[in-house]
């Protein structure tokens, strides 16, 4: 892909491949999350009263929320109480989006093989709209802070979800975006990446579509190099005892 020559026709083919791969992998992640449902239920994890592991998870949630609430753009005074109020408990996987400046034009770029884990109705795009409003609703800001903090805790190491997803080849990360202050944004990535072609190609594509949006395309070179972590681990064990096993 490093030497790829991007015509609009080639870009169209790559985009079709990318979307097909994205649909397949996102479907697999949804199935995995469905299987892990008992580990991802807010009411079960945070509890309705102070006892056991629920107390630790609830305390983690409160501490994280307080960090978010104390910084811009939230600056909230409302506190979290039990039972934890969740405006939505339906998980969504939304492709990561970012802005890119190409030849003087601002383009919204989508990374179709990396997804933000959030709850229905609480997309990053909606939060940007809310923050940009003249008088943002404090109630909505509170809900966003709670929802994103909850996802971060539920998908945190306490329940073992990151290790499970890593073993399934879907690494999970938690990061921050400058416009969202201390808000943790949880993402799940595919085992292969996407690339953004040169700016000249991006601009040509936006001019052809008439919209300042662009989708990255799959890095095809990574598909043949996919590794099996379990295979590699077992090979290392065997080789540590002096065994010489044939390559796959």
C-alpha atoms as a PDB file:
ATOM      1  CA  UNK A   1       0.000   0.000   0.000  1.00  0.00           C
ATOM      2  CA  UNK A   2       2.957   2.326   0.521  1.00  0.00           C
ATOM      3  CA  UNK A   3       3.442   2.508  -3.243  1.00  0.00           C
ATOM      4  CA  UNK A   4      -0.277   2.516  -4.023  1.00  0.00           C
ATOM      5  CA  UNK A   5      -1.381   4.707  -6.918  1.00  0.00           C
ATOM      6  CA  UNK A   6      -4.829   6.027  -6.153  1.00  0.00           C
ATOM      7  CA  UNK A   7      -7.152   6.725  -9.049  1.00  0.00           C
ATOM      8  CA  UNK A   8     -10.792   7.377  -8.238  1.00  0.00           C
ATOM      9  CA  UNK A   9     -11.628   3.957  -9.676  1.00  0.00           C
ATOM     10  CA  UNK A  10      -9.006   2.266  -7.475  1.00  0.00           C
ATOM     11  CA  UNK A  11     -10.260   4.235  -4.481  1.00  0.00           C
ATOM     12  CA  UNK A  12     -13.795   3.012  -5.160  1.00  0.00           C
ATOM     13  CA  UNK A  13     -12.653  -0.623  -5.173  1.00  0.00           C
ATOM     14  CA  UNK A  14     -10.660  -0.170  -1.962  1.00  0.00           C
ATOM     15  CA  UNK A  15     -13.606   1.541  -0.315  1.00  0.00           C
ATOM     16  CA  UNK A  16     -15.905  -1.389  -1.181  1.00  0.00           C
ATOM     17  CA  UNK A  17     -13.377  -3.847   0.268  1.00  0.00           C
ATOM     18  CA  UNK A  18     -12.966  -1.694   3.370  1.00  0.00           C
ATOM     19  CA  UNK A  19     -16.701  -1.471   4.010  1.00  0.00           C
ATOM     20  CA  UNK A  20     -17.156  -5.210   3.562  1.00  0.00           C
ATOM     21  CA  UNK A  21     -14.328  -5.917   6.021  1.00  0.00           C
ATOM     22  CA  UNK A  22     -15.681  -3.300   8.430  1.00  0.00           C
ATOM     23  CA  UNK A  23     -19.172  -4.821   8.365  1.00  0.00           C
ATOM     24  CA  UNK A  24     -17.760  -8.302   8.972  1.00  0.00           C
ATOM     25  CA  UNK A  25     -15.496  -7.329  11.859  1.00  0.00           C
ATOM     26  CA  UNK A  26     -18.011  -5.023  13.518  1.00  0.00           C
ATOM     27  CA  UNK A  27     -20.515  -7.884  13.396  1.00  0.00           C
ATOM     28  CA  UNK A  28     -18.000 -10.132  15.137  1.00  0.00           C
ATOM     29  CA  UNK A  29     -17.364  -7.538  17.842  1.00  0.00           C
ATOM     30  CA  UNK A  30     -21.090  -7.182  18.461  1.00  0.00           C
ATOM     31  CA  UNK A  31     -21.362 -10.946  18.893  1.00  0.00           C
ATOM     32  CA  UNK A  32     -18.463 -10.931  21.345  1.00  0.00           C
ATOM     33  CA  UNK A  33     -20.002  -8.081  23.338  1.00  0.00           C
ATOM     34  CA  UNK A  34     -23.288  -9.968  23.429  1.00  0.00           C
ATOM     35  CA  UNK A  35     -21.482 -12.952  24.916  1.00  0.00           C
ATOM     36  CA  UNK A  36     -19.826 -10.656  27.478  1.00  0.00           C
ATOM     37  CA  UNK A  37     -23.144  -9.037  28.342  1.00  0.00           C
ATOM     38  CA  UNK A  38     -23.126 -10.146  31.984  1.00  0.00           C
ATOM     39  CA  UNK A  39     -19.806  -8.310  32.491  1.00  0.00           C
ATOM     40  CA  UNK A  40     -21.135  -5.138  30.884  1.00  0.00           C
ATOM     41  CA  UNK A  41     -24.406  -4.534  32.737  1.00  0.00           C
ATOM     42  CA  UNK A  42     -24.159  -1.197  34.585  1.00  0.00           C
ATOM     43  CA  UNK A  43     -26.667  -2.131  37.276  1.00  0.00           C
ATOM     44  CA  UNK A  44     -24.897  -5.412  38.033  1.00  0.00           C
ATOM     45  CA  UNK A  45     -21.398  -3.882  38.028  1.00  0.00           C
ATOM     46  CA  UNK A  46     -22.104  -0.679  39.973  1.00  0.00           C
ATOM     47  CA  UNK A  47     -24.805  -2.132  42.225  1.00  0.00           C
ATOM     48  CA  UNK A  48     -27.753  -0.515  43.919  1.00  0.00           C
ATOM     49  CA  UNK A  49     -26.282  -0.561  47.405  1.00  0.00           C
ATOM     50  CA  UNK A  50     -22.847  -0.487  48.954  1.00  0.00           C
ATOM     51  CA  UNK A  51     -21.487  -4.010  49.061  1.00  0.00           C
ATOM     52  CA  UNK A  52     -18.807  -6.226  47.590  1.00  0.00           C
ATOM     53  CA  UNK A  53     -17.143  -5.616  44.259  1.00  0.00           C
ATOM     54  CA  UNK A  54     -19.936  -3.252  43.258  1.00  0.00           C
ATOM     55  CA  UNK A  55     -18.665  -0.787  45.847  1.00  0.00           C
ATOM     56  CA  UNK A  56     -15.213  -0.725  44.285  1.00  0.00           C
ATOM     57  CA  UNK A  57     -16.608  -0.256  40.782  1.00  0.00           C
ATOM     58  CA  UNK A  58     -18.975   2.462  41.976  1.00  0.00           C
ATOM     59  CA  UNK A  59     -16.149   4.287  43.760  1.00  0.00           C
ATOM     60  CA  UNK A  60     -14.055   4.117  40.588  1.00  0.00           C
ATOM     61  CA  UNK A  61     -16.976   5.547  38.633  1.00  0.00           C
ATOM     62  CA  UNK A  62     -17.447   8.413  41.090  1.00  0.00           C
ATOM     63  CA  UNK A  63     -13.732   9.277  41.070  1.00  0.00           C
ATOM     64  CA  UNK A  64     -13.566   9.262  37.275  1.00  0.00           C
ATOM     65  CA  UNK A  65     -16.748  11.305  36.967  1.00  0.00           C
ATOM     66  CA  UNK A  66     -15.409  13.908  39.395  1.00  0.00           C
ATOM     67  CA  UNK A  67     -12.272  14.304  37.278  1.00  0.00           C
ATOM     68  CA  UNK A  68     -14.394  14.803  34.155  1.00  0.00           C
ATOM     69  CA  UNK A  69     -16.833  17.167  35.870  1.00  0.00           C
ATOM     70  CA  UNK A  70     -14.113  19.420  37.275  1.00  0.00           C
ATOM     71  CA  UNK A  71     -12.579  20.228  33.876  1.00  0.00           C
ATOM     72  CA  UNK A  72     -13.744  22.086  30.789  1.00  0.00           C
ATOM     73  CA  UNK A  73     -15.986  21.746  28.868  1.00  0.00           C
ATOM     74  CA  UNK A  74     -18.129  20.082  31.559  1.00  0.00           C
ATOM     75  CA  UNK A  75     -17.624  22.027  34.842  1.00  0.00           C
ATOM     76  CA  UNK A  76     -20.447  20.165  36.570  1.00  0.00           C
ATOM     77  CA  UNK A  77     -21.496  20.244  40.224  1.00  0.00           C
ATOM     78  CA  UNK A  78     -24.057  17.430  40.137  1.00  0.00           C
ATOM     79  CA  UNK A  79     -23.005  14.248  41.927  1.00  0.00           C
ATOM     80  CA  UNK A  80     -23.524  10.595  41.034  1.00  0.00           C
ATOM     81  CA  UNK A  81     -25.785   8.666  43.375  1.00  0.00           C
ATOM     82  CA  UNK A  82     -26.958   5.077  43.602  1.00  0.00           C
ATOM     83  CA  UNK A  83     -28.584   3.568  41.697  1.00  0.00           C
ATOM     84  CA  UNK A  84     -26.465   4.966  38.865  1.00  0.00           C
ATOM     85  CA  UNK A  85     -28.696   6.791  36.418  1.00  0.00           C
ATOM     86  CA  UNK A  86     -28.049   5.532  32.880  1.00  0.00           C
ATOM     87  CA  UNK A  87     -30.011   7.315  30.175  1.00  0.00           C
ATOM     88  CA  UNK A  88     -29.197   4.468  27.761  1.00  0.00           C
ATOM     89  CA  UNK A  89     -27.734   0.982  28.161  1.00  0.00           C
ATOM     90  CA  UNK A  90     -27.676  -0.049  24.493  1.00  0.00           C
ATOM     91  CA  UNK A  91     -24.052  -0.216  23.354  1.00  0.00           C
ATOM     92  CA  UNK A  92     -23.089   1.217  19.969  1.00  0.00           C
ATOM     93  CA  UNK A  93     -19.948   0.959  17.849  1.00  0.00           C
ATOM     94  CA  UNK A  94     -19.363   4.154  15.887  1.00  0.00           C
ATOM     95  CA  UNK A  95     -16.455   4.608  13.447  1.00  0.00           C
ATOM     96  CA  UNK A  96     -13.830   7.032  14.713  1.00  0.00           C
ATOM     97  CA  UNK A  97     -13.936  10.423  13.019  1.00  0.00           C
ATOM     98  CA  UNK A  98     -11.379  13.231  13.002  1.00  0.00           C
ATOM     99  CA  UNK A  99     -10.770  16.436  11.086  1.00  0.00           C
ATOM    100  CA  UNK A 100      -7.893  16.769   8.649  1.00  0.00           C
ATOM    101  CA  UNK A 101      -6.614  19.883   6.908  1.00  0.00           C
ATOM    102  CA  UNK A 102      -5.884  19.096   3.258  1.00  0.00           C
ATOM    103  CA  UNK A 103      -4.734  21.809   0.866  1.00  0.00           C
ATOM    104  CA  UNK A 104      -6.502  24.502   2.876  1.00  0.00           C
ATOM    105  CA  UNK A 105      -9.745  22.547   3.206  1.00  0.00           C
ATOM    106  CA  UNK A 106     -11.046  20.947   6.410  1.00  0.00           C
ATOM    107  CA  UNK A 107     -12.185  17.388   5.780  1.00  0.00           C
ATOM    108  CA  UNK A 108     -13.978  15.059   8.199  1.00  0.00           C
ATOM    109  CA  UNK A 109     -12.188  11.714   7.915  1.00  0.00           C
ATOM    110  CA  UNK A 110     -13.620   8.384   9.063  1.00  0.00           C
ATOM    111  CA  UNK A 111     -11.478   5.464  10.250  1.00  0.00           C
ATOM    112  CA  UNK A 112     -13.794   2.538   9.424  1.00  0.00           C
ATOM    113  CA  UNK A 113     -11.789  -0.132  11.272  1.00  0.00           C
ATOM    114  CA  UNK A 114     -11.677   1.642  14.632  1.00  0.00           C
ATOM    115  CA  UNK A 115     -14.839   2.189  16.650  1.00  0.00           C
ATOM    116  CA  UNK A 116     -15.846   4.353  19.586  1.00  0.00           C
ATOM    117  CA  UNK A 117     -17.754   2.308  22.171  1.00  0.00           C
ATOM    118  CA  UNK A 118     -20.636   4.381  23.464  1.00  0.00           C
ATOM    119  CA  UNK A 119     -24.316   4.169  24.304  1.00  0.00           C
ATOM    120  CA  UNK A 120     -27.162   4.854  21.905  1.00  0.00           C
ATOM    121  CA  UNK A 121     -27.800   8.589  21.655  1.00  0.00           C
ATOM    122  CA  UNK A 122     -24.379   9.555  23.046  1.00  0.00           C
ATOM    123  CA  UNK A 123     -22.170   9.836  19.993  1.00  0.00           C
ATOM    124  CA  UNK A 124     -19.077  12.070  19.943  1.00  0.00           C
ATOM    125  CA  UNK A 125     -20.757  14.057  17.150  1.00  0.00           C
ATOM    126  CA  UNK A 126     -23.729  14.796  19.413  1.00  0.00           C
ATOM    127  CA  UNK A 127     -21.402  15.853  22.230  1.00  0.00           C
ATOM    128  CA  UNK A 128     -19.609  18.273  19.890  1.00  0.00           C
ATOM    129  CA  UNK A 129     -22.981  19.795  18.981  1.00  0.00           C
ATOM    130  CA  UNK A 130     -23.899  20.088  22.648  1.00  0.00           C
ATOM    131  CA  UNK A 131     -20.616  21.728  23.625  1.00  0.00           C
ATOM    132  CA  UNK A 132     -20.898  24.139  20.702  1.00  0.00           C
ATOM    133  CA  UNK A 133     -24.369  25.283  21.704  1.00  0.00           C
ATOM    134  CA  UNK A 134     -24.751  28.799  23.069  1.00  0.00           C
ATOM    135  CA  UNK A 135     -26.146  27.481  26.342  1.00  0.00           C
ATOM    136  CA  UNK A 136     -25.329  23.762  26.649  1.00  0.00           C
ATOM    137  CA  UNK A 137     -27.762  21.724  28.722  1.00  0.00           C
ATOM    138  CA  UNK A 138     -26.096  20.881  32.030  1.00  0.00           C
ATOM    139  CA  UNK A 139     -28.375  17.886  32.325  1.00  0.00           C
ATOM    140  CA  UNK A 140     -27.178  16.497  28.992  1.00  0.00           C
ATOM    141  CA  UNK A 141     -23.543  17.206  29.835  1.00  0.00           C
ATOM    142  CA  UNK A 142     -24.011  15.291  33.086  1.00  0.00           C
ATOM    143  CA  UNK A 143     -25.472  12.349  31.190  1.00  0.00           C
ATOM    144  CA  UNK A 144     -22.587  12.321  28.716  1.00  0.00           C
ATOM    145  CA  UNK A 145     -20.056  12.381  31.546  1.00  0.00           C
ATOM    146  CA  UNK A 146     -21.770   9.477  33.318  1.00  0.00           C
ATOM    147  CA  UNK A 147     -22.276   7.403  30.162  1.00  0.00           C
ATOM    148  CA  UNK A 148     -18.651   7.695  28.982  1.00  0.00           C
ATOM    149  CA  UNK A 149     -17.253   7.175  32.476  1.00  0.00           C
ATOM    150  CA  UNK A 150     -19.399   4.050  32.838  1.00  0.00           C
ATOM    151  CA  UNK A 151     -18.160   2.610  29.529  1.00  0.00           C
ATOM    152  CA  UNK A 152     -14.568   3.243  30.599  1.00  0.00           C
ATOM    153  CA  UNK A 153     -15.090   1.368  33.884  1.00  0.00           C
ATOM    154  CA  UNK A 154     -17.138  -1.470  32.380  1.00  0.00           C
ATOM    155  CA  UNK A 155     -14.499  -2.054  29.704  1.00  0.00           C
ATOM    156  CA  UNK A 156     -11.656  -1.599  32.167  1.00  0.00           C
ATOM    157  CA  UNK A 157      -9.281  -4.243  33.534  1.00  0.00           C
ATOM    158  CA  UNK A 158     -11.425  -4.916  36.625  1.00  0.00           C
ATOM    159  CA  UNK A 159     -13.783  -7.193  34.669  1.00  0.00           C
ATOM    160  CA  UNK A 160     -11.148  -8.659  32.363  1.00  0.00           C
ATOM    161  CA  UNK A 161     -12.844  -7.401  29.183  1.00  0.00           C
ATOM    162  CA  UNK A 162      -9.674  -5.885  27.619  1.00  0.00           C
ATOM    163  CA  UNK A 163      -7.781  -9.189  27.869  1.00  0.00           C
ATOM    164  CA  UNK A 164     -10.691 -11.087  26.366  1.00  0.00           C
ATOM    165  CA  UNK A 165     -10.997  -8.709  23.418  1.00  0.00           C
ATOM    166  CA  UNK A 166      -7.216  -8.683  22.935  1.00  0.00           C
ATOM    167  CA  UNK A 167      -7.268 -12.488  22.715  1.00  0.00           C
ATOM    168  CA  UNK A 168      -9.994 -12.177  20.095  1.00  0.00           C
ATOM    169  CA  UNK A 169      -7.738  -9.797  18.105  1.00  0.00           C
ATOM    170  CA  UNK A 170      -9.708  -6.660  18.901  1.00  0.00           C
ATOM    171  CA  UNK A 171      -7.500  -4.415  21.060  1.00  0.00           C
ATOM    172  CA  UNK A 172      -9.276  -1.952  23.320  1.00  0.00           C
ATOM    173  CA  UNK A 173      -7.889   1.446  24.278  1.00  0.00           C
ATOM    174  CA  UNK A 174      -9.073   4.397  26.334  1.00  0.00           C
ATOM    175  CA  UNK A 175      -7.932   7.869  25.344  1.00  0.00           C
ATOM    176  CA  UNK A 176      -8.933  11.510  25.394  1.00  0.00           C
ATOM    177  CA  UNK A 177      -9.804  14.140  22.806  1.00  0.00           C
ATOM    178  CA  UNK A 178      -8.729  17.762  23.343  1.00  0.00           C
ATOM    179  CA  UNK A 179     -12.241  19.123  22.816  1.00  0.00           C
ATOM    180  CA  UNK A 180     -13.689  16.781  25.459  1.00  0.00           C
ATOM    181  CA  UNK A 181     -11.322  17.556  28.323  1.00  0.00           C
ATOM    182  CA  UNK A 182     -10.887  14.631  30.726  1.00  0.00           C
ATOM    183  CA  UNK A 183     -13.661  12.540  29.189  1.00  0.00           C
ATOM    184  CA  UNK A 184     -12.426   8.975  28.548  1.00  0.00           C
ATOM    185  CA  UNK A 185     -13.188   7.759  25.025  1.00  0.00           C
ATOM    186  CA  UNK A 186     -13.132   3.973  24.698  1.00  0.00           C
ATOM    187  CA  UNK A 187     -12.283   2.493  21.302  1.00  0.00           C
ATOM    188  CA  UNK A 188     -12.010  -0.999  19.827  1.00  0.00           C
ATOM    189  CA  UNK A 189      -9.740  -1.571  16.837  1.00  0.00           C
ATOM    190  CA  UNK A 190      -9.607  -4.214  14.132  1.00  0.00           C
ATOM    191  CA  UNK A 191      -6.474  -6.374  13.839  1.00  0.00           C
ATOM    192  CA  UNK A 192      -5.614  -4.511  10.619  1.00  0.00           C
ATOM    193  CA  UNK A 193      -5.480  -0.777  10.017  1.00  0.00           C
ATOM    194  CA  UNK A 194      -6.652   1.748   7.462  1.00  0.00           C
ATOM    195  CA  UNK A 195      -4.685   4.451   5.691  1.00  0.00           C
ATOM    196  CA  UNK A 196      -5.433   7.946   4.453  1.00  0.00           C
ATOM    197  CA  UNK A 197      -4.178   8.511   0.894  1.00  0.00           C
ATOM    198  CA  UNK A 198      -2.232  11.663  -0.042  1.00  0.00           C
ATOM    199  CA  UNK A 199      -4.041  14.980   0.335  1.00  0.00           C
ATOM    200  CA  UNK A 200      -4.334  15.374  -3.433  1.00  0.00           C
ATOM    201  CA  UNK A 201      -6.409  12.172  -3.542  1.00  0.00           C
ATOM    202  CA  UNK A 202      -8.503  13.256  -0.564  1.00  0.00           C
ATOM    203  CA  UNK A 203      -9.313  16.581  -2.208  1.00  0.00           C
ATOM    204  CA  UNK A 204     -10.096  14.973  -5.567  1.00  0.00           C
ATOM    205  CA  UNK A 205     -12.496  12.605  -3.822  1.00  0.00           C
ATOM    206  CA  UNK A 206     -14.270  15.395  -1.942  1.00  0.00           C
ATOM    207  CA  UNK A 207     -14.625  17.435  -5.120  1.00  0.00           C
ATOM    208  CA  UNK A 208     -16.074  14.421  -6.914  1.00  0.00           C
ATOM    209  CA  UNK A 209     -18.599  13.709  -4.137  1.00  0.00           C
ATOM    210  CA  UNK A 210     -19.359  17.358  -3.369  1.00  0.00           C
ATOM    211  CA  UNK A 211     -18.904  16.710   0.371  1.00  0.00           C
ATOM    212  CA  UNK A 212     -15.992  17.504   2.672  1.00  0.00           C
ATOM    213  CA  UNK A 213     -15.881  13.974   4.044  1.00  0.00           C
ATOM    214  CA  UNK A 214     -13.518  11.083   3.367  1.00  0.00           C
ATOM    215  CA  UNK A 215     -13.153   7.444   4.453  1.00  0.00           C
ATOM    216  CA  UNK A 216      -9.784   5.856   5.002  1.00  0.00           C
ATOM    217  CA  UNK A 217      -9.204   2.580   3.162  1.00  0.00           C
ATOM    218  CA  UNK A 218      -7.927  -0.774   4.386  1.00  0.00           C
ATOM    219  CA  UNK A 219      -4.217  -1.476   4.338  1.00  0.00           C
ATOM    220  CA  UNK A 220      -4.305  -4.651   2.224  1.00  0.00           C
ATOM    221  CA  UNK A 221      -0.625  -5.386   2.907  1.00  0.00           C
ATOM    222  CA  UNK A 222      -1.451  -6.186   6.538  1.00  0.00           C
ATOM    223  CA  UNK A 223      -3.923  -8.981   5.757  1.00  0.00           C
ATOM    224  CA  UNK A 224      -1.316 -11.637   4.766  1.00  0.00           C
ATOM    225  CA  UNK A 225       0.801 -10.756   7.828  1.00  0.00           C
ATOM    226  CA  UNK A 226      -1.918 -11.353  10.421  1.00  0.00           C
ATOM    227  CA  UNK A 227      -0.468 -13.337  13.290  1.00  0.00           C
ATOM    228  CA  UNK A 228      -2.022 -15.827  15.670  1.00  0.00           C
ATOM    229  CA  UNK A 229      -1.058 -14.789  19.230  1.00  0.00           C
ATOM    230  CA  UNK A 230      -1.768 -18.269  20.635  1.00  0.00           C
ATOM    231  CA  UNK A 231       0.332 -19.943  17.929  1.00  0.00           C
ATOM    232  CA  UNK A 232       3.219 -17.567  18.639  1.00  0.00           C
ATOM    233  CA  UNK A 233       2.954 -18.152  22.386  1.00  0.00           C
ATOM    234  CA  UNK A 234       3.006 -21.939  21.999  1.00  0.00           C
ATOM    235  CA  UNK A 235       5.926 -21.748  19.559  1.00  0.00           C
ATOM    236  CA  UNK A 236       7.872 -19.702  22.098  1.00  0.00           C
ATOM    237  CA  UNK A 237       7.210 -22.336  24.767  1.00  0.00           C
ATOM    238  CA  UNK A 238       8.311 -25.197  22.540  1.00  0.00           C
ATOM    239  CA  UNK A 239      11.388 -23.313  21.339  1.00  0.00           C
ATOM    240  CA  UNK A 240      12.372 -22.504  24.934  1.00  0.00           C
ATOM    241  CA  UNK A 241      12.923 -26.272  25.346  1.00  0.00           C
ATOM    242  CA  UNK A 242      15.103 -26.414  22.262  1.00  0.00           C
ATOM    243  CA  UNK A 243      12.485 -27.643  19.795  1.00  0.00           C
ATOM    244  CA  UNK A 244      12.812 -26.479  16.206  1.00  0.00           C
ATOM    245  CA  UNK A 245       9.357 -26.392  14.661  1.00  0.00           C
ATOM    246  CA  UNK A 246       8.688 -25.738  10.958  1.00  0.00           C
ATOM    247  CA  UNK A 247       7.335 -22.357   9.967  1.00  0.00           C
ATOM    248  CA  UNK A 248       3.667 -22.166   8.959  1.00  0.00           C
END
